[in-house]
Every structure is written in structure tokens, then in C-alpha cells.
N, C-alpha and C. Protein backbone atom coordinates (compact mmCIF):
# COMPACT_ATOMS: atom_id res chain seq x y z
N MET A 1 101.85 147.51 110.71
CA MET A 1 102.21 147.06 109.74
C MET A 1 101.91 145.42 109.97
N SER A 2 101.25 144.97 108.89
CA SER A 2 100.75 143.59 108.65
C SER A 2 101.68 142.61 108.91
N TYR A 3 101.26 140.96 109.17
CA TYR A 3 102.41 140.18 108.76
C TYR A 3 103.09 139.83 107.86
N GLN A 4 102.06 140.10 106.72
CA GLN A 4 102.57 139.75 105.28
C GLN A 4 103.65 141.21 105.03
N GLN A 5 103.41 142.08 105.39
CA GLN A 5 104.39 143.14 105.08
C GLN A 5 105.50 143.24 106.19
N GLN A 6 105.29 142.64 107.48
CA GLN A 6 106.40 142.23 108.19
C GLN A 6 107.45 141.33 107.66
N ASP A 7 106.83 140.19 107.01
CA ASP A 7 107.22 139.25 106.33
C ASP A 7 108.56 139.77 105.27
N ASN A 8 107.63 140.54 104.48
CA ASN A 8 108.08 141.07 103.14
C ASN A 8 109.20 141.73 103.18
N TYR A 9 109.31 142.30 104.09
CA TYR A 9 110.06 143.47 104.91
C TYR A 9 111.48 142.57 105.32
N ARG A 10 111.40 142.02 106.11
CA ARG A 10 112.42 140.79 106.38
C ARG A 10 113.01 140.23 105.18
N LYS A 11 112.52 139.62 104.65
CA LYS A 11 113.13 138.82 103.36
C LYS A 11 113.77 140.19 102.49
N ASN A 12 113.10 141.17 102.40
CA ASN A 12 114.11 142.14 101.56
C ASN A 12 115.51 142.43 102.56
N GLN A 13 115.32 142.36 103.79
CA GLN A 13 116.19 142.90 104.49
C GLN A 13 117.60 141.59 104.37
N GLN A 14 116.82 140.45 104.68
CA GLN A 14 117.96 139.24 104.24
C GLN A 14 118.61 139.54 102.99
N ASN A 15 117.75 139.58 101.49
CA ASN A 15 118.55 139.89 100.37
C ASN A 15 119.04 140.95 100.67
N ASN A 16 119.17 141.92 100.76
CA ASN A 16 120.15 142.97 100.85
C ASN A 16 121.29 142.66 101.45
N GLN A 17 121.11 141.92 102.51
CA GLN A 17 122.38 141.73 103.36
C GLN A 17 123.60 140.53 102.60
N ARG A 18 122.77 139.64 101.74
CA ARG A 18 123.29 138.91 101.25
C ARG A 18 123.96 139.21 99.56
N GLN A 19 124.04 140.27 99.20
CA GLN A 19 123.94 140.99 97.74
C GLN A 19 125.69 140.80 98.08
N PRO A 20 126.16 140.21 96.97
CA PRO A 20 127.61 140.04 96.73
C PRO A 20 128.30 141.36 96.73
N ILE A 21 129.19 141.19 97.38
CA ILE A 21 130.44 142.43 97.27
C ILE A 21 131.43 142.40 96.43
N SER A 22 131.45 142.91 95.22
CA SER A 22 132.90 142.77 94.52
C SER A 22 134.02 142.69 95.38
N LYS A 23 134.83 141.78 94.39
CA LYS A 23 136.18 141.52 94.84
C LYS A 23 137.16 142.32 94.34
N LEU A 24 138.01 142.80 95.13
CA LEU A 24 138.60 143.86 95.14
C LEU A 24 139.98 143.40 94.07
N ASP A 25 140.09 143.84 93.02
CA ASP A 25 141.37 143.93 91.91
C ASP A 25 142.32 144.80 92.43
N ILE A 26 143.47 144.03 92.71
CA ILE A 26 144.54 144.40 93.48
C ILE A 26 145.64 144.02 92.08
N THR A 27 145.50 143.85 91.02
CA THR A 27 146.37 143.40 90.10
C THR A 27 147.24 144.76 89.41
N LYS A 28 146.68 145.74 89.55
CA LYS A 28 146.88 147.08 88.72
C LYS A 28 147.93 147.65 89.95
N ILE A 29 147.70 147.98 91.75
CA ILE A 29 148.28 148.43 92.26
C ILE A 29 149.67 147.63 92.51
N LYS A 30 150.67 149.17 91.65
CA LYS A 30 152.12 148.18 91.50
C LYS A 30 153.20 149.28 92.15
N PHE A 31 153.86 149.75 93.33
CA PHE A 31 155.02 150.48 93.67
C PHE A 31 156.31 150.25 93.37
N SER A 32 156.41 149.60 92.51
CA SER A 32 157.75 149.19 92.21
C SER A 32 159.05 150.39 91.94
N GLU A 33 160.12 149.96 92.66
CA GLU A 33 161.13 150.61 92.47
C GLU A 33 161.85 151.03 91.57
N ASN A 34 161.66 150.11 90.76
CA ASN A 34 162.74 149.87 89.47
C ASN A 34 162.15 150.40 88.32
N GLU A 35 160.45 150.80 87.90
CA GLU A 35 159.76 151.02 87.22
C GLU A 35 158.79 152.07 87.03
N SER A 36 158.79 152.79 86.33
CA SER A 36 157.93 153.87 86.79
C SER A 36 156.41 153.85 87.05
N LEU A 37 155.94 154.59 87.66
CA LEU A 37 154.57 154.36 88.31
C LEU A 37 153.47 154.34 86.93
N SER A 38 152.38 153.75 87.57
CA SER A 38 151.25 153.76 86.27
C SER A 38 150.58 155.20 86.84
N PRO A 39 150.50 156.15 85.49
CA PRO A 39 149.96 157.44 85.70
C PRO A 39 148.48 157.55 86.29
N ASP A 40 148.03 156.20 86.31
CA ASP A 40 146.68 156.02 86.77
C ASP A 40 146.48 155.74 87.89
N LEU A 41 147.48 155.38 88.99
CA LEU A 41 148.07 154.70 90.31
C LEU A 41 147.27 155.52 91.24
N PHE A 42 147.51 156.96 91.30
CA PHE A 42 146.87 157.47 92.24
C PHE A 42 145.19 158.43 91.84
N ASP A 43 144.86 158.21 91.02
CA ASP A 43 143.75 158.37 90.46
C ASP A 43 142.71 157.47 89.80
N GLY A 44 142.78 156.77 88.66
CA GLY A 44 141.77 155.86 88.74
C GLY A 44 141.88 154.43 89.38
N ILE A 45 143.00 154.02 89.72
CA ILE A 45 142.94 152.52 90.55
C ILE A 45 142.76 152.95 91.72
N ALA A 46 143.08 154.25 92.46
CA ALA A 46 142.70 154.44 93.71
C ALA A 46 141.33 154.72 93.78
N HIS A 47 141.08 155.39 92.74
CA HIS A 47 139.43 155.86 92.48
C HIS A 47 138.73 154.14 92.97
N GLN A 48 138.81 153.47 92.10
CA GLN A 48 137.90 152.27 91.82
C GLN A 48 138.62 151.11 93.41
N THR A 49 139.51 151.21 93.58
CA THR A 49 139.80 150.36 94.91
C THR A 49 139.08 151.27 96.22
N ALA A 50 138.88 152.22 96.13
CA ALA A 50 137.82 153.24 97.37
C ALA A 50 136.59 152.67 97.00
N LYS A 51 135.96 152.71 95.73
CA LYS A 51 134.70 152.38 95.46
C LYS A 51 134.18 151.18 96.04
N THR A 52 135.23 150.16 95.49
CA THR A 52 134.91 148.59 96.28
C THR A 52 135.48 148.51 97.09
N ILE A 53 135.97 149.13 98.00
CA ILE A 53 135.94 148.98 99.61
C ILE A 53 134.72 149.32 100.05
N SER A 54 134.39 150.78 99.68
CA SER A 54 133.46 151.19 100.19
C SER A 54 132.03 150.39 100.47
N GLU A 55 131.96 149.62 99.64
CA GLU A 55 130.73 148.56 99.85
C GLU A 55 130.69 147.57 100.63
N GLY A 56 131.67 147.37 101.05
CA GLY A 56 131.87 146.55 102.50
C GLY A 56 131.31 147.10 103.79
N ARG A 57 130.30 146.87 104.56
CA ARG A 57 129.67 147.56 105.51
C ARG A 57 130.32 147.42 106.76
N SER A 58 131.30 146.89 106.85
CA SER A 58 132.19 146.67 108.18
C SER A 58 133.33 147.87 108.22
N ASN A 59 133.24 148.14 106.72
CA ASN A 59 134.68 149.31 106.56
C ASN A 59 134.30 150.41 107.34
N GLU A 60 134.85 150.92 108.04
CA GLU A 60 134.83 152.15 108.85
C GLU A 60 135.67 153.37 108.66
N SER A 61 135.35 154.52 108.41
CA SER A 61 135.90 155.33 108.07
C SER A 61 137.38 155.76 109.10
N THR A 62 136.54 155.52 110.56
CA THR A 62 137.68 155.79 111.45
C THR A 62 138.90 154.58 111.28
N GLN A 63 138.47 153.28 111.01
CA GLN A 63 139.63 152.46 110.71
C GLN A 63 140.55 152.79 109.56
N MET A 64 139.95 153.48 108.57
CA MET A 64 140.63 153.82 107.28
C MET A 64 142.07 155.04 108.08
N ARG A 65 141.20 155.71 108.60
CA ARG A 65 141.98 157.06 109.16
C ARG A 65 142.98 156.21 110.19
N LYS A 66 142.94 155.56 110.94
CA LYS A 66 143.70 154.90 111.88
C LYS A 66 145.17 154.21 111.10
N PHE A 67 144.67 153.68 109.81
CA PHE A 67 145.92 153.18 109.13
C PHE A 67 146.23 153.95 108.47
N TYR A 68 145.89 154.80 107.88
CA TYR A 68 146.45 155.77 107.24
C TYR A 68 147.62 156.86 108.10
N GLU A 69 147.20 157.07 109.00
CA GLU A 69 148.02 157.62 110.19
C GLU A 69 149.14 157.01 110.52
N GLU A 70 149.10 155.84 110.67
CA GLU A 70 150.08 154.92 110.84
C GLU A 70 151.23 154.74 109.79
N ILE A 71 150.54 154.70 108.47
CA ILE A 71 151.39 154.38 107.04
C ILE A 71 152.31 155.85 107.02
N VAL A 72 151.27 157.06 107.60
CA VAL A 72 152.34 158.45 107.54
C VAL A 72 153.11 158.60 108.45
N MET A 73 152.62 157.99 109.39
CA MET A 73 153.92 157.58 110.78
C MET A 73 155.24 157.02 110.37
N TRP A 74 154.94 155.73 109.60
CA TRP A 74 156.30 155.17 108.87
C TRP A 74 157.07 155.65 107.81
N ASN A 75 156.11 156.25 106.98
CA ASN A 75 156.92 156.90 105.87
C ASN A 75 157.76 158.02 106.56
N GLU A 76 157.24 158.87 107.55
CA GLU A 76 158.18 159.91 108.12
C GLU A 76 159.42 159.39 108.98
N LYS A 77 159.00 158.36 109.37
CA LYS A 77 160.39 157.43 109.82
C LYS A 77 161.13 157.41 108.95
N THR A 78 160.92 156.59 108.22
CA THR A 78 161.77 155.86 107.27
C THR A 78 162.67 156.82 106.00
N THR A 79 161.79 158.03 106.17
CA THR A 79 162.37 159.15 105.17
C THR A 79 163.19 159.60 106.16
N GLN A 80 163.47 160.20 107.42
CA GLN A 80 163.83 161.04 108.29
C GLN A 80 165.60 159.96 108.34
N ASN A 81 165.11 158.42 108.35
CA ASN A 81 165.93 157.47 109.02
C ASN A 81 166.52 156.49 107.73
N GLU A 82 166.77 156.71 106.67
CA GLU A 82 166.77 156.01 105.40
C GLU A 82 167.52 154.58 105.80
N GLY A 83 168.91 154.71 106.51
CA GLY A 83 169.54 153.63 107.25
C GLY A 83 168.70 152.67 107.80
N LYS A 84 167.99 153.34 108.55
CA LYS A 84 166.86 151.74 109.52
C LYS A 84 165.94 151.68 108.67
N PHE A 85 165.94 151.81 107.80
CA PHE A 85 164.32 150.91 106.62
C PHE A 85 164.47 149.60 107.11
N ASP A 86 165.53 149.08 107.10
CA ASP A 86 165.44 147.30 107.19
C ASP A 86 164.67 146.96 108.53
N GLU A 87 165.51 148.00 109.54
CA GLU A 87 164.93 147.69 110.83
C GLU A 87 163.63 148.26 111.21
N TYR A 88 163.09 148.64 110.60
CA TYR A 88 161.61 149.57 110.33
C TYR A 88 160.84 148.38 109.70
N LEU A 89 161.01 148.13 108.52
CA LEU A 89 160.19 146.93 108.21
C LEU A 89 159.37 145.94 108.65
N PRO A 90 159.80 145.30 109.78
CA PRO A 90 158.86 144.40 110.19
C PRO A 90 157.87 144.89 110.79
N PHE A 91 158.12 146.31 111.33
CA PHE A 91 157.13 146.63 112.25
C PHE A 91 156.04 147.26 110.88
N ILE A 92 156.60 147.78 110.29
CA ILE A 92 155.80 148.40 108.79
C ILE A 92 154.78 147.25 108.66
N ARG A 93 155.33 146.13 108.23
CA ARG A 93 154.64 144.57 107.64
C ARG A 93 153.75 144.10 108.56
N MET A 94 153.92 144.76 110.34
CA MET A 94 152.86 144.57 111.03
C MET A 94 151.44 145.09 111.12
N LEU A 95 151.19 146.22 110.26
CA LEU A 95 149.93 146.77 109.74
C LEU A 95 149.14 145.28 109.10
N ASN A 96 149.85 144.23 108.72
CA ASN A 96 149.05 143.35 108.34
C ASN A 96 148.31 142.32 109.43
N ALA A 97 149.05 142.31 110.76
CA ALA A 97 148.37 141.57 111.78
C ALA A 97 147.35 142.70 112.17
N LYS A 98 147.50 143.94 112.21
CA LYS A 98 146.56 145.03 112.91
C LYS A 98 145.16 144.84 111.82
N ALA A 99 145.54 144.59 110.62
CA ALA A 99 144.24 144.69 109.43
C ALA A 99 143.33 143.60 110.25
N ALA A 100 144.24 142.42 110.13
CA ALA A 100 143.68 141.03 110.17
C ALA A 100 142.84 140.97 111.71
N TYR A 101 143.36 141.84 112.77
CA TYR A 101 143.02 142.06 113.97
C TYR A 101 141.55 142.79 113.70
N ALA A 102 141.45 144.00 112.94
CA ALA A 102 140.37 144.83 112.82
C ALA A 102 139.58 144.24 111.88
N GLN A 103 139.82 143.18 111.14
CA GLN A 103 138.91 142.25 110.70
C GLN A 103 138.09 141.59 111.62
N GLY A 104 138.79 140.90 112.35
CA GLY A 104 138.48 140.15 113.66
C GLY A 104 137.03 140.64 114.18
N ARG A 105 137.42 142.00 114.34
CA ARG A 105 136.37 142.99 115.32
C ARG A 105 135.12 143.13 114.69
N LYS A 106 135.32 142.76 113.22
CA LYS A 106 134.32 143.42 112.17
C LYS A 106 134.60 145.11 112.02
N HIS A 107 135.62 145.32 111.73
CA HIS A 107 135.67 146.84 111.48
C HIS A 107 136.49 147.04 110.32
N VAL A 108 136.88 145.90 109.75
CA VAL A 108 137.12 145.97 108.20
C VAL A 108 137.10 144.75 107.42
N ASP A 109 136.34 144.48 106.60
CA ASP A 109 136.36 143.19 105.91
C ASP A 109 137.72 142.82 104.77
N GLN A 110 137.25 141.67 104.13
CA GLN A 110 138.55 140.92 103.62
C GLN A 110 139.14 141.80 102.17
N ASN A 111 138.42 142.84 101.84
CA ASN A 111 139.01 143.16 100.89
C ASN A 111 139.85 144.30 101.28
N PHE A 112 139.68 145.05 102.16
CA PHE A 112 140.58 145.93 102.98
C PHE A 112 141.80 144.99 103.31
N VAL A 113 141.30 144.06 104.12
CA VAL A 113 142.82 143.32 104.40
C VAL A 113 143.86 142.81 103.06
N ASP A 114 143.10 142.50 102.19
CA ASP A 114 143.65 141.94 100.96
C ASP A 114 144.40 143.37 100.72
N LEU A 115 143.88 144.76 100.76
CA LEU A 115 144.54 145.40 99.92
C LEU A 115 146.08 145.82 100.82
N MET A 116 145.74 146.05 102.17
CA MET A 116 146.81 146.02 103.29
C MET A 116 147.84 145.04 102.66
N ALA A 117 147.42 143.95 102.48
CA ALA A 117 148.65 142.94 102.54
C ALA A 117 149.15 143.09 100.82
N CYS A 118 148.75 143.47 99.74
CA CYS A 118 149.26 143.53 98.52
C CYS A 118 149.85 144.75 98.37
N CYS A 119 149.42 145.92 99.52
CA CYS A 119 150.48 146.92 99.31
C CYS A 119 151.83 146.87 100.22
N LEU A 120 151.38 145.92 101.34
CA LEU A 120 152.95 146.02 102.45
C LEU A 120 153.67 144.85 101.58
N LYS A 121 153.14 143.72 100.88
CA LYS A 121 154.36 142.99 100.41
C LYS A 121 155.25 143.97 99.20
N GLN A 122 155.01 145.05 98.90
CA GLN A 122 155.57 145.65 97.79
C GLN A 122 156.48 146.89 98.58
N VAL A 123 156.36 146.86 99.76
CA VAL A 123 156.95 148.08 100.33
C VAL A 123 158.60 147.24 100.55
N SER A 124 159.64 148.04 100.33
CA SER A 124 160.79 147.20 100.20
C SER A 124 162.18 148.30 100.45
N SER A 125 161.70 149.34 99.92
CA SER A 125 162.42 150.39 100.97
C SER A 125 161.90 151.51 100.74
N VAL A 126 162.52 153.10 101.05
CA VAL A 126 161.81 153.94 101.37
C VAL A 126 160.93 154.71 100.40
N LYS A 127 161.80 154.52 98.65
CA LYS A 127 160.55 154.83 97.63
C LYS A 127 159.23 154.36 98.04
N THR A 128 159.48 152.76 97.83
CA THR A 128 158.15 151.78 97.83
C THR A 128 157.26 152.40 98.80
N MET A 129 157.93 152.41 99.94
CA MET A 129 157.54 152.94 101.33
C MET A 129 156.30 154.64 101.05
N GLN A 130 156.91 155.32 99.84
CA GLN A 130 156.13 156.59 100.09
C GLN A 130 155.52 156.32 99.15
N ASN A 131 155.76 155.61 97.95
CA ASN A 131 154.52 155.40 96.88
C ASN A 131 152.99 154.66 97.65
N PHE A 132 153.19 153.96 98.63
CA PHE A 132 152.48 153.38 99.27
C PHE A 132 151.52 154.50 99.97
N LYS A 133 152.23 155.19 100.65
CA LYS A 133 151.65 156.36 101.55
C LYS A 133 150.85 157.33 100.44
N TYR A 134 151.57 157.43 99.17
CA TYR A 134 150.71 158.72 98.11
C TYR A 134 149.45 157.56 97.90
N PHE A 135 149.67 156.34 97.53
CA PHE A 135 148.65 155.49 97.17
C PHE A 135 147.61 155.48 98.00
N PHE A 136 148.01 155.34 99.75
CA PHE A 136 146.54 154.99 100.41
C PHE A 136 145.83 157.05 100.61
N GLU A 137 146.69 158.00 100.76
CA GLU A 137 146.25 159.12 100.51
C GLU A 137 145.19 159.57 99.69
N ALA A 138 145.59 159.30 98.58
CA ALA A 138 144.69 158.71 97.51
C ALA A 138 143.35 158.22 97.64
N PHE A 139 143.53 157.10 97.94
CA PHE A 139 142.67 155.95 98.47
C PHE A 139 141.66 156.59 99.51
N ILE A 140 142.13 156.96 100.39
CA ILE A 140 141.21 157.91 101.45
C ILE A 140 140.34 158.74 101.08
N GLY A 141 141.03 159.65 100.19
CA GLY A 141 140.59 160.99 99.63
C GLY A 141 139.10 160.66 98.64
N PHE A 142 139.19 159.44 97.91
CA PHE A 142 138.35 158.69 97.21
C PHE A 142 137.23 158.09 98.12
N TYR A 143 137.84 157.71 98.72
CA TYR A 143 136.65 156.70 100.06
C TYR A 143 135.79 157.70 100.43
N LYS A 144 136.25 158.70 101.04
CA LYS A 144 135.22 159.63 101.79
C LYS A 144 134.01 159.90 100.62
N ILE A 145 134.26 160.28 99.63
CA ILE A 145 133.05 160.36 98.69
C ILE A 145 132.23 159.31 98.59
N TYR A 146 132.53 158.17 98.86
CA TYR A 146 131.56 156.73 98.59
C TYR A 146 130.99 156.22 100.05
N LYS A 147 131.83 156.86 101.06
CA LYS A 147 131.15 156.35 102.34
C LYS A 147 129.86 157.98 102.91
N GLN A 148 130.17 158.28 102.43
CA GLN A 148 128.94 159.60 102.80
C GLN A 148 127.97 159.53 102.16
N LYS A 149 127.90 158.23 101.55
CA LYS A 149 126.29 158.42 100.54
C LYS A 149 125.53 157.09 101.60
């Protein structure tokens, strides 16, 4: 490869790395206990969320699965012991710190951290925890189709 070709290749690589990643729209993600869920929450909204998150180069499938497994674990605990929900809530919200740590290690990006923060701030009962789990399950399913490309 000539010097000119190498220089062009290097410039293309730099341009590809600088392409802006879409900002995640979290405004439609709602797990309200008092209102009915959007019929699109576990389909179109989860799909668009997965598409945006998958654009981040640092978002690793293993990290997504790790967070999902912990969400499932907390959902099971809160469902089995509804009276202990308030006791569990600080530990559930600690997922924000774990997401920040994963971002610091470059395993996830800011969009994923924002997604976790948006979802976790809405968890206020067993029902909202369960809705969070369902949403994340749908998100993971859609995420897989984009990360395989």
C-alpha cells in the first residue's frame, strides 16, 4: 500500500470513528403504576431503544446480559417478598452505579447509562419493577438483531 493509500485509509478510519451516535430518546419509556402502559412499550419503543444503543461501539452484549440477569434477580426477589420492596430498592438503584462503572471501563456508553437511569428512577413498586424487567427483556431481544451485524 502506498503512502497516499495509507494516509487515505487512516483519514477514513478517523472519520468513521467520529460519526456521531444518535442520542437516546428516553421520553417514551414509562412504567407508571397508575397509568396503563403504552401498547408500543415492549415493541416499537424497545426496538428503537435497542437500535440506538447498538450504535455504540462500546456496548457489549455480555454487559447487556449481565444487567438483564441482575434485573431478573431483583424482579424475582421483589415478587416473592413484596413486603421487602422498600428494603431492596436501594440495591436495585445501585444498578446506576454499576452502569457508571461499566462506562468507566468502556464496556457501555452514555446512552446505556442514560437508559438505566431513566428506567431505575421509575422503579417505585413491585409492578414498576416488573414492567422494567419486561421492557429490558424486549430491549435485549431487539438488541441482539442489531449487534450481530
